Amino acid sequence: MILEERDGSTILEVIVQPKSSRAAIVGVHGGALKLRVTSPPEKGAANRQCIEILSEALGLSKRDIELIQGSSSRRKRFRIAAPVEKVRKALEEVL
């Protein structure tokens, strides 16, 4: 999984599978974290659910996670207001 540090924050690449039967972090696919969300990819619902899943997994507030690229794509990039090592450790525990 590719994590990039930028200005004290972490950039995380995510692949999203919308309209799944359950929401979960399912592993790493193509160098990106793969998420399943139950929401459809309409009106930002899937993007909001991605932020909810990540905030719970990382132990951060939803406002600490920002979608910076890919709002209408399955491949997205999020800026996380936490150091790379904290994000890596939290994700390793989930995976």
PDB file of N, CA and C in Angstrom:
ATOM      1  N   MET A   1       0.847  -1.164   0.000  1.00  0.00           N
ATOM      2  CA  MET A   1       0.000   0.000   0.000  1.00  0.00           C
ATOM      3  C   MET A   1       0.895   1.231   0.000  1.00  0.00           C
ATOM      4  N   ILE A   2       0.555   2.159  -0.847  1.00  0.00           N
ATOM      5  CA  ILE A   2       1.370   3.351  -1.011  1.00  0.00           C
ATOM      6  C   ILE A   2       0.852   4.465  -0.106  1.00  0.00           C
ATOM      7  N   LEU A   3       1.699   4.886   0.809  1.00  0.00           N
ATOM      8  CA  LEU A   3       1.407   6.017   1.679  1.00  0.00           C
ATOM      9  C   LEU A   3       2.455   7.081   1.390  1.00  0.00           C
ATOM     10  N   GLU A   4       2.015   8.297   1.199  1.00  0.00           N
ATOM     11  CA  GLU A   4       2.924   9.400   0.889  1.00  0.00           C
ATOM     12  C   GLU A   4       2.777  10.462   1.967  1.00  0.00           C
ATOM     13  N   GLU A   5       3.911  10.976   2.447  1.00  0.00           N
ATOM     14  CA  GLU A   5       3.859  12.038   3.453  1.00  0.00           C
ATOM     15  C   GLU A   5       3.991  13.385   2.765  1.00  0.00           C
ATOM     16  N   ARG A   6       3.099  14.311   3.148  1.00  0.00           N
ATOM     17  CA  ARG A   6       3.133  15.648   2.563  1.00  0.00           C
ATOM     18  C   ARG A   6       2.732  16.652   3.628  1.00  0.00           C
ATOM     19  N   ASP A   7       3.647  17.517   4.006  1.00  0.00           N
ATOM     20  CA  ASP A   7       3.385  18.588   4.975  1.00  0.00           C
ATOM     21  C   ASP A   7       2.813  18.061   6.293  1.00  0.00           C
ATOM     22  N   GLY A   8       3.352  16.958   6.789  1.00  0.00           N
ATOM     23  CA  GLY A   8       2.895  16.401   8.057  1.00  0.00           C
ATOM     24  C   GLY A   8       1.626  15.582   7.962  1.00  0.00           C
ATOM     25  N   SER A   9       1.043  15.512   6.768  1.00  0.00           N
ATOM     26  CA  SER A   9      -0.155  14.712   6.545  1.00  0.00           C
ATOM     27  C   SER A   9       0.210  13.479   5.728  1.00  0.00           C
ATOM     28  N   THR A  10      -0.722  12.560   5.622  1.00  0.00           N
ATOM     29  CA  THR A  10      -0.526  11.345   4.846  1.00  0.00           C
ATOM     30  C   THR A  10      -1.489  11.357   3.667  1.00  0.00           C
ATOM     31  N   ILE A  11      -0.985  10.990   2.496  1.00  0.00           N
ATOM     32  CA  ILE A  11      -1.821  10.824   1.319  1.00  0.00           C
ATOM     33  C   ILE A  11      -2.002   9.322   1.128  1.00  0.00           C
ATOM     34  N   LEU A  12      -3.254   8.897   1.090  1.00  0.00           N
ATOM     35  CA  LEU A  12      -3.596   7.482   0.974  1.00  0.00           C
ATOM     36  C   LEU A  12      -4.406   7.264  -0.290  1.00  0.00           C
ATOM     37  N   GLU A  13      -3.985   6.302  -1.107  1.00  0.00           N
ATOM     38  CA  GLU A  13      -4.724   5.955  -2.308  1.00  0.00           C
ATOM     39  C   GLU A  13      -5.678   4.815  -1.982  1.00  0.00           C
ATOM     40  N   VAL A  14      -6.915   4.937  -2.464  1.00  0.00           N
ATOM     41  CA  VAL A  14      -7.978   3.985  -2.143  1.00  0.00           C
ATOM     42  C   VAL A  14      -8.709   3.589  -3.420  1.00  0.00           C
ATOM     43  N   ILE A  15      -9.086   2.317  -3.518  1.00  0.00           N
ATOM     44  CA  ILE A  15      -9.979   1.833  -4.567  1.00  0.00           C
ATOM     45  C   ILE A  15     -11.294   1.496  -3.884  1.00  0.00           C
ATOM     46  N   VAL A  16     -12.394   1.988  -4.445  1.00  0.00           N
ATOM     47  CA  VAL A  16     -13.704   1.826  -3.820  1.00  0.00           C
ATOM     48  C   VAL A  16     -14.591   0.916  -4.661  1.00  0.00           C
ATOM     49  N   GLN A  17     -15.256  -0.005  -3.983  1.00  0.00           N
ATOM     50  CA  GLN A  17     -16.263  -0.856  -4.616  1.00  0.00           C
ATOM     51  C   GLN A  17     -17.616  -0.455  -4.037  1.00  0.00           C
ATOM     52  N   PRO A  18     -18.400   0.338  -4.778  1.00  0.00           N
ATOM     53  CA  PRO A  18     -19.687   0.808  -4.258  1.00  0.00           C
ATOM     54  C   PRO A  18     -20.766  -0.267  -4.334  1.00  0.00           C
ATOM     55  N   LYS A  19     -21.868  -0.021  -3.634  1.00  0.00           N
ATOM     56  CA  LYS A  19     -23.049  -0.884  -3.613  1.00  0.00           C
ATOM     57  C   LYS A  19     -22.726  -2.332  -3.223  1.00  0.00           C
ATOM     58  N   SER A  20     -21.835  -2.508  -2.262  1.00  0.00           N
ATOM     59  CA  SER A  20     -21.500  -3.837  -1.747  1.00  0.00           C
ATOM     60  C   SER A  20     -22.528  -4.239  -0.698  1.00  0.00           C
ATOM     61  N   SER A  21     -22.532  -5.501  -0.349  1.00  0.00           N
ATOM     62  CA  SER A  21     -23.479  -5.972   0.663  1.00  0.00           C
ATOM     63  C   SER A  21     -23.094  -5.504   2.060  1.00  0.00           C
ATOM     64  N   ARG A  22     -21.793  -5.236   2.276  1.00  0.00           N
ATOM     65  CA  ARG A  22     -21.357  -4.718   3.571  1.00  0.00           C
ATOM     66  C   ARG A  22     -20.176  -3.774   3.367  1.00  0.00           C
ATOM     67  N   ALA A  23     -20.034  -2.842   4.292  1.00  0.00           N
ATOM     68  CA  ALA A  23     -18.948  -1.865   4.227  1.00  0.00           C
ATOM     69  C   ALA A  23     -17.751  -2.393   5.012  1.00  0.00           C
ATOM     70  N   ALA A  24     -16.577  -2.353   4.394  1.00  0.00           N
ATOM     71  CA  ALA A  24     -15.390  -2.869   5.073  1.00  0.00           C
ATOM     72  C   ALA A  24     -14.117  -2.486   4.320  1.00  0.00           C
ATOM     73  N   ILE A  25     -13.012  -2.523   5.056  1.00  0.00           N
ATOM     74  CA  ILE A  25     -11.690  -2.469   4.442  1.00  0.00           C
ATOM     75  C   ILE A  25     -11.350  -3.912   4.118  1.00  0.00           C
ATOM     76  N   VAL A  26     -11.065  -4.202   2.848  1.00  0.00           N
ATOM     77  CA  VAL A  26     -10.891  -5.601   2.455  1.00  0.00           C
ATOM     78  C   VAL A  26      -9.461  -5.987   2.121  1.00  0.00           C
ATOM     79  N   GLY A  27      -8.554  -5.037   2.066  1.00  0.00           N
ATOM     80  CA  GLY A  27      -7.169  -5.386   1.803  1.00  0.00           C
ATOM     81  C   GLY A  27      -6.501  -4.377   0.889  1.00  0.00           C
ATOM     82  N   VAL A  28      -5.464  -4.841   0.215  1.00  0.00           N
ATOM     83  CA  VAL A  28      -4.697  -3.992  -0.691  1.00  0.00           C
ATOM     84  C   VAL A  28      -4.845  -4.564  -2.091  1.00  0.00           C
ATOM     85  N   HIS A  29      -5.092  -3.695  -3.059  1.00  0.00           N
ATOM     86  CA  HIS A  29      -5.267  -4.113  -4.446  1.00  0.00           C
ATOM     87  C   HIS A  29      -4.566  -3.093  -5.337  1.00  0.00           C
ATOM     88  N   GLY A  30      -3.645  -3.538  -6.146  1.00  0.00           N
ATOM     89  CA  GLY A  30      -2.955  -2.634  -7.062  1.00  0.00           C
ATOM     90  C   GLY A  30      -2.231  -1.491  -6.379  1.00  0.00           C
ATOM     91  N   GLY A  31      -1.699  -1.735  -5.190  1.00  0.00           N
ATOM     92  CA  GLY A  31      -0.962  -0.701  -4.463  1.00  0.00           C
ATOM     93  C   GLY A  31      -1.837   0.278  -3.712  1.00  0.00           C
ATOM     94  N   ALA A  32      -3.155   0.040  -3.717  1.00  0.00           N
ATOM     95  CA  ALA A  32      -4.076   0.943  -3.018  1.00  0.00           C
ATOM     96  C   ALA A  32      -4.901   0.148  -2.012  1.00  0.00           C
ATOM     97  N   LEU A  33      -5.377   0.830  -1.000  1.00  0.00           N
ATOM     98  CA  LEU A  33      -6.255   0.217  -0.010  1.00  0.00           C
ATOM     99  C   LEU A  33      -7.621   0.023  -0.653  1.00  0.00           C
ATOM    100  N   LYS A  34      -8.194  -1.168  -0.538  1.00  0.00           N
ATOM    101  CA  LYS A  34      -9.500  -1.430  -1.143  1.00  0.00           C
ATOM    102  C   LYS A  34     -10.585  -1.367  -0.080  1.00  0.00           C
ATOM    103  N   LEU A  35     -11.618  -0.566  -0.376  1.00  0.00           N
ATOM    104  CA  LEU A  35     -12.769  -0.413   0.513  1.00  0.00           C
ATOM    105  C   LEU A  35     -14.027  -0.865  -0.209  1.00  0.00           C
ATOM    106  N   ARG A  36     -14.897  -1.528   0.522  1.00  0.00           N
ATOM    107  CA  ARG A  36     -16.235  -1.808   0.029  1.00  0.00           C
ATOM    108  C   ARG A  36     -17.183  -0.900   0.786  1.00  0.00           C
ATOM    109  N   VAL A  37     -18.105  -0.265   0.058  1.00  0.00           N
ATOM    110  CA  VAL A  37     -19.103   0.594   0.683  1.00  0.00           C
ATOM    111  C   VAL A  37     -20.485   0.156   0.217  1.00  0.00           C
ATOM    112  N   THR A  38     -21.470   0.328   1.079  1.00  0.00           N
ATOM    113  CA  THR A  38     -22.843  -0.046   0.733  1.00  0.00           C
ATOM    114  C   THR A  38     -23.546   1.050  -0.049  1.00  0.00           C
ATOM    115  N   SER A  39     -23.046   2.253   0.028  1.00  0.00           N
ATOM    116  CA  SER A  39     -23.661   3.398  -0.642  1.00  0.00           C
ATOM    117  C   SER A  39     -23.458   3.340  -2.156  1.00  0.00           C
ATOM    118  N   PRO A  40     -24.425   3.886  -2.899  1.00  0.00           N
ATOM    119  CA  PRO A  40     -24.228   3.997  -4.348  1.00  0.00           C
ATOM    120  C   PRO A  40     -23.315   5.184  -4.650  1.00  0.00           C
ATOM    121  N   PRO A  41     -22.701   5.180  -5.821  1.00  0.00           N
ATOM    122  CA  PRO A  41     -21.808   6.296  -6.182  1.00  0.00           C
ATOM    123  C   PRO A  41     -22.600   7.492  -6.706  1.00  0.00           C
ATOM    124  N   GLU A  42     -23.528   7.973  -5.905  1.00  0.00           N
ATOM    125  CA  GLU A  42     -24.381   9.087  -6.315  1.00  0.00           C
ATOM    126  C   GLU A  42     -24.365  10.186  -5.265  1.00  0.00           C
ATOM    127  N   LYS A  43     -24.256  11.418  -5.716  1.00  0.00           N
ATOM    128  CA  LYS A  43     -24.318  12.599  -4.848  1.00  0.00           C
ATOM    129  C   LYS A  43     -23.316  12.552  -3.691  1.00  0.00           C
ATOM    130  N   GLY A  44     -22.167  11.907  -3.906  1.00  0.00           N
ATOM    131  CA  GLY A  44     -21.117  11.875  -2.893  1.00  0.00           C
ATOM    132  C   GLY A  44     -21.342  10.905  -1.747  1.00  0.00           C
ATOM    133  N   ALA A  45     -22.383  10.070  -1.830  1.00  0.00           N
ATOM    134  CA  ALA A  45     -22.697   9.151  -0.730  1.00  0.00           C
ATOM    135  C   ALA A  45     -21.565   8.151  -0.487  1.00  0.00           C
ATOM    136  N   ALA A  46     -21.017   7.586  -1.550  1.00  0.00           N
ATOM    137  CA  ALA A  46     -19.927   6.621  -1.397  1.00  0.00           C
ATOM    138  C   ALA A  46     -18.678   7.299  -0.840  1.00  0.00           C
ATOM    139  N   ASN A  47     -18.412   8.534  -1.276  1.00  0.00           N
ATOM    140  CA  ASN A  47     -17.251   9.277  -0.767  1.00  0.00           C
ATOM    141  C   ASN A  47     -17.387   9.537   0.729  1.00  0.00           C
ATOM    142  N   ARG A  48     -18.586   9.924   1.164  1.00  0.00           N
ATOM    143  CA  ARG A  48     -18.809  10.171   2.596  1.00  0.00           C
ATOM    144  C   ARG A  48     -18.641   8.885   3.398  1.00  0.00           C
ATOM    145  N   GLN A  49     -19.107   7.762   2.854  1.00  0.00           N
ATOM    146  CA  GLN A  49     -18.962   6.509   3.577  1.00  0.00           C
ATOM    147  C   GLN A  49     -17.491   6.078   3.642  1.00  0.00           C
ATOM    148  N   CYS A  50     -16.719   6.359   2.615  1.00  0.00           N
ATOM    149  CA  CYS A  50     -15.275   6.081   2.655  1.00  0.00           C
ATOM    150  C   CYS A  50     -14.627   6.831   3.807  1.00  0.00           C
ATOM    151  N   ILE A  51     -14.977   8.095   3.955  1.00  0.00           N
ATOM    152  CA  ILE A  51     -14.418   8.911   5.038  1.00  0.00           C
ATOM    153  C   ILE A  51     -14.825   8.339   6.392  1.00  0.00           C
ATOM    154  N   GLU A  52     -16.061   7.894   6.528  1.00  0.00           N
ATOM    155  CA  GLU A  52     -16.515   7.284   7.781  1.00  0.00           C
ATOM    156  C   GLU A  52     -15.722   6.026   8.110  1.00  0.00           C
ATOM    157  N   ILE A  53     -15.535   5.164   7.128  1.00  0.00           N
ATOM    158  CA  ILE A  53     -14.790   3.915   7.336  1.00  0.00           C
ATOM    159  C   ILE A  53     -13.351   4.213   7.732  1.00  0.00           C
ATOM    160  N   LEU A  54     -12.716   5.134   7.009  1.00  0.00           N
ATOM    161  CA  LEU A  54     -11.322   5.471   7.313  1.00  0.00           C
ATOM    162  C   LEU A  54     -11.189   6.117   8.684  1.00  0.00           C
ATOM    163  N   SER A  55     -12.110   7.006   9.045  1.00  0.00           N
ATOM    164  CA  SER A  55     -11.999   7.678  10.343  1.00  0.00           C
ATOM    165  C   SER A  55     -12.135   6.670  11.479  1.00  0.00           C
ATOM    166  N   GLU A  56     -13.025   5.713  11.324  1.00  0.00           N
ATOM    167  CA  GLU A  56     -13.185   4.683  12.359  1.00  0.00           C
ATOM    168  C   GLU A  56     -11.945   3.799  12.451  1.00  0.00           C
ATOM    169  N   ALA A  57     -11.421   3.379  11.310  1.00  0.00           N
ATOM    170  CA  ALA A  57     -10.248   2.500  11.291  1.00  0.00           C
ATOM    171  C   ALA A  57      -9.004   3.195  11.842  1.00  0.00           C
ATOM    172  N   LEU A  58      -8.879   4.489  11.579  1.00  0.00           N
ATOM    173  CA  LEU A  58      -7.681   5.227  11.994  1.00  0.00           C
ATOM    174  C   LEU A  58      -7.825   5.893  13.352  1.00  0.00           C
ATOM    175  N   GLY A  59      -9.025   5.878  13.911  1.00  0.00           N
ATOM    176  CA  GLY A  59      -9.247   6.533  15.196  1.00  0.00           C
ATOM    177  C   GLY A  59      -9.149   8.044  15.109  1.00  0.00           C
ATOM    178  N   LEU A  60      -9.593   8.596  13.989  1.00  0.00           N
ATOM    179  CA  LEU A  60      -9.538  10.035  13.764  1.00  0.00           C
ATOM    180  C   LEU A  60     -10.938  10.582  13.539  1.00  0.00           C
ATOM    181  N   SER A  61     -11.062  11.880  13.648  1.00  0.00           N
ATOM    182  CA  SER A  61     -12.309  12.558  13.341  1.00  0.00           C
ATOM    183  C   SER A  61     -12.501  12.584  11.829  1.00  0.00           C
ATOM    184  N   LYS A  62     -13.753  12.602  11.378  1.00  0.00           N
ATOM    185  CA  LYS A  62     -14.025  12.678   9.943  1.00  0.00           C
ATOM    186  C   LYS A  62     -13.451  13.953   9.336  1.00  0.00           C
ATOM    187  N   ARG A  63     -13.368  15.022  10.115  1.00  0.00           N
ATOM    188  CA  ARG A  63     -12.838  16.275   9.564  1.00  0.00           C
ATOM    189  C   ARG A  63     -11.320  16.195   9.335  1.00  0.00           C
ATOM    190  N   ASP A  64     -10.666  15.172   9.893  1.00  0.00           N
ATOM    191  CA  ASP A  64      -9.231  14.983   9.675  1.00  0.00           C
ATOM    192  C   ASP A  64      -8.925  14.250   8.369  1.00  0.00           C
ATOM    193  N   ILE A  65      -9.965  13.864   7.631  1.00  0.00           N
ATOM    194  CA  ILE A  65      -9.795  13.121   6.383  1.00  0.00           C
ATOM    195  C   ILE A  65     -10.493  13.886   5.270  1.00  0.00           C
ATOM    196  N   GLU A  66      -9.737  14.160   4.202  1.00  0.00           N
ATOM    197  CA  GLU A  66     -10.266  14.971   3.101  1.00  0.00           C
ATOM    198  C   GLU A  66     -10.025  14.261   1.772  1.00  0.00           C
ATOM    199  N   LEU A  67     -11.059  14.163   0.959  1.00  0.00           N
ATOM    200  CA  LEU A  67     -10.932  13.627  -0.393  1.00  0.00           C
ATOM    201  C   LEU A  67     -10.274  14.702  -1.254  1.00  0.00           C
ATOM    202  N   ILE A  68      -9.115  14.388  -1.833  1.00  0.00           N
ATOM    203  CA  ILE A  68      -8.400  15.400  -2.617  1.00  0.00           C
ATOM    204  C   ILE A  68      -8.362  15.082  -4.105  1.00  0.00           C
ATOM    205  N   GLN A  69      -8.708  13.838  -4.475  1.00  0.00           N
ATOM    206  CA  GLN A  69      -8.679  13.477  -5.889  1.00  0.00           C
ATOM    207  C   GLN A  69      -9.588  12.276  -6.114  1.00  0.00           C
ATOM    208  N   GLY A  70     -10.318  12.278  -7.233  1.00  0.00           N
ATOM    209  CA  GLY A  70     -11.106  11.123  -7.620  1.00  0.00           C
ATOM    210  C   GLY A  70     -12.534  11.117  -7.106  1.00  0.00           C
ATOM    211  N   SER A  71     -13.158  12.273  -6.977  1.00  0.00           N
ATOM    212  CA  SER A  71     -14.504  12.319  -6.405  1.00  0.00           C
ATOM    213  C   SER A  71     -15.515  11.518  -7.212  1.00  0.00           C
ATOM    214  N   SER A  72     -15.300  11.360  -8.512  1.00  0.00           N
ATOM    215  CA  SER A  72     -16.229  10.580  -9.329  1.00  0.00           C
ATOM    216  C   SER A  72     -15.580   9.326  -9.915  1.00  0.00           C
ATOM    217  N   SER A  73     -14.477   8.918  -9.339  1.00  0.00           N
ATOM    218  CA  SER A  73     -13.740   7.748  -9.808  1.00  0.00           C
ATOM    219  C   SER A  73     -13.704   6.679  -8.715  1.00  0.00           C
ATOM    220  N   ARG A  74     -13.463   5.442  -9.106  1.00  0.00           N
ATOM    221  CA  ARG A  74     -13.301   4.382  -8.106  1.00  0.00           C
ATOM    222  C   ARG A  74     -11.954   4.502  -7.393  1.00  0.00           C
ATOM    223  N   ARG A  75     -10.970   5.073  -8.069  1.00  0.00           N
ATOM    224  CA  ARG A  75      -9.642   5.281  -7.468  1.00  0.00           C
ATOM    225  C   ARG A  75      -9.599   6.694  -6.911  1.00  0.00           C
ATOM    226  N   LYS A  76      -9.334   6.804  -5.615  1.00  0.00           N
ATOM    227  CA  LYS A  76      -9.389   8.086  -4.920  1.00  0.00           C
ATOM    228  C   LYS A  76      -8.117   8.309  -4.119  1.00  0.00           C
ATOM    229  N   ARG A  77      -7.869   9.558  -3.777  1.00  0.00           N
ATOM    230  CA  ARG A  77      -6.757   9.912  -2.891  1.00  0.00           C
ATOM    231  C   ARG A  77      -7.314  10.763  -1.767  1.00  0.00           C
ATOM    232  N   PHE A  78      -6.935  10.393  -0.557  1.00  0.00           N
ATOM    233  CA  PHE A  78      -7.372  11.117   0.634  1.00  0.00           C
ATOM    234  C   PHE A  78      -6.175  11.708   1.348  1.00  0.00           C
ATOM    235  N   ARG A  79      -6.346  12.924   1.881  1.00  0.00           N
ATOM    236  CA  ARG A  79      -5.338  13.538   2.755  1.00  0.00           C
ATOM    237  C   ARG A  79      -5.800  13.287   4.183  1.00  0.00           C
ATOM    238  N   ILE A  80      -4.916  12.689   4.970  1.00  0.00           N
ATOM    239  CA  ILE A  80      -5.223  12.343   6.353  1.00  0.00           C
ATOM    240  C   ILE A  80      -4.322  13.172   7.255  1.00  0.00           C
ATOM    241  N   ALA A  81      -4.928  13.891   8.176  1.00  0.00           N
ATOM    242  CA  ALA A  81      -4.188  14.781   9.076  1.00  0.00           C
ATOM    243  C   ALA A  81      -3.556  13.967  10.201  1.00  0.00           C
ATOM    244  N   ALA A  82      -2.582  13.138   9.820  1.00  0.00           N
ATOM    245  CA  ALA A  82      -1.837  12.307  10.774  1.00  0.00           C
ATOM    246  C   ALA A  82      -0.541  11.875  10.089  1.00  0.00           C
ATOM    247  N   PRO A  83       0.511  11.626  10.878  1.00  0.00           N
ATOM    248  CA  PRO A  83       1.774  11.174  10.287  1.00  0.00           C
ATOM    249  C   PRO A  83       1.649   9.795   9.645  1.00  0.00           C
ATOM    250  N   VAL A  84       2.503   9.543   8.651  1.00  0.00           N
ATOM    251  CA  VAL A  84       2.480   8.278   7.915  1.00  0.00           C
ATOM    252  C   VAL A  84       2.568   7.077   8.844  1.00  0.00           C
ATOM    253  N   GLU A  85       3.455   7.118   9.819  1.00  0.00           N
ATOM    254  CA  GLU A  85       3.643   5.949  10.698  1.00  0.00           C
ATOM    255  C   GLU A  85       2.384   5.628  11.497  1.00  0.00           C
ATOM    256  N   LYS A  86       1.664   6.635  11.946  1.00  0.00           N
ATOM    257  CA  LYS A  86       0.419   6.395  12.683  1.00  0.00           C
ATOM    258  C   LYS A  86      -0.620   5.746  11.769  1.00  0.00           C
ATOM    259  N   VAL A  87      -0.724   6.240  10.538  1.00  0.00           N
ATOM    260  CA  VAL A  87      -1.685   5.687   9.578  1.00  0.00           C
ATOM    261  C   VAL A  87      -1.305   4.250   9.226  1.00  0.00           C
ATOM    262  N   ARG A  88      -0.024   4.022   8.959  1.00  0.00           N
ATOM    263  CA  ARG A  88       0.435   2.681   8.598  1.00  0.00           C
ATOM    264  C   ARG A  88       0.138   1.683   9.725  1.00  0.00           C
ATOM    265  N   LYS A  89       0.441   2.067  10.944  1.00  0.00           N
ATOM    266  CA  LYS A  89       0.219   1.172  12.092  1.00  0.00           C
ATOM    267  C   LYS A  89      -1.273   0.854  12.265  1.00  0.00           C
ATOM    268  N   ALA A  90      -2.110   1.869  12.161  1.00  0.00           N
ATOM    269  CA  ALA A  90      -3.553   1.652  12.315  1.00  0.00           C
ATOM    270  C   ALA A  90      -4.108   0.740  11.224  1.00  0.00           C
ATOM    271  N   LEU A  91      -3.651   0.939   9.997  1.00  0.00           N
ATOM    272  CA  LEU A  91      -4.132   0.105   8.890  1.00  0.00           C
ATOM    273  C   LEU A  91      -3.614  -1.328   8.999  1.00  0.00           C
ATOM    274  N   GLU A  92      -2.405  -1.500   9.466  1.00  0.00           N
ATOM    275  CA  GLU A  92      -1.880  -2.859   9.657  1.00  0.00           C
ATOM    276  C   GLU A  92      -2.689  -3.627  10.678  1.00  0.00           C
ATOM    277  N   GLU A  93      -3.177  -2.934  11.711  1.00  0.00           N
ATOM    278  CA  GLU A  93      -4.015  -3.589  12.714  1.00  0.00           C
ATOM    279  C   GLU A  93      -5.357  -4.029  12.137  1.00  0.00           C
ATOM    280  N   VAL A  94      -5.893  -3.239  11.216  1.00  0.00           N
ATOM    281  CA  VAL A  94      -7.175  -3.552  10.594  1.00  0.00           C
ATOM    282  C   VAL A  94      -7.030  -4.692   9.582  1.00  0.00           C
ATOM    283  N   LEU A  95      -5.927  -4.666   8.864  1.00  0.00           N
ATOM    284  CA  LEU A  95      -5.695  -5.686   7.841  1.00  0.00           C
ATOM    285  C   LEU A  95      -5.195  -6.928   8.518  1.00  0.00           C
TER     286      LEU A  95
END
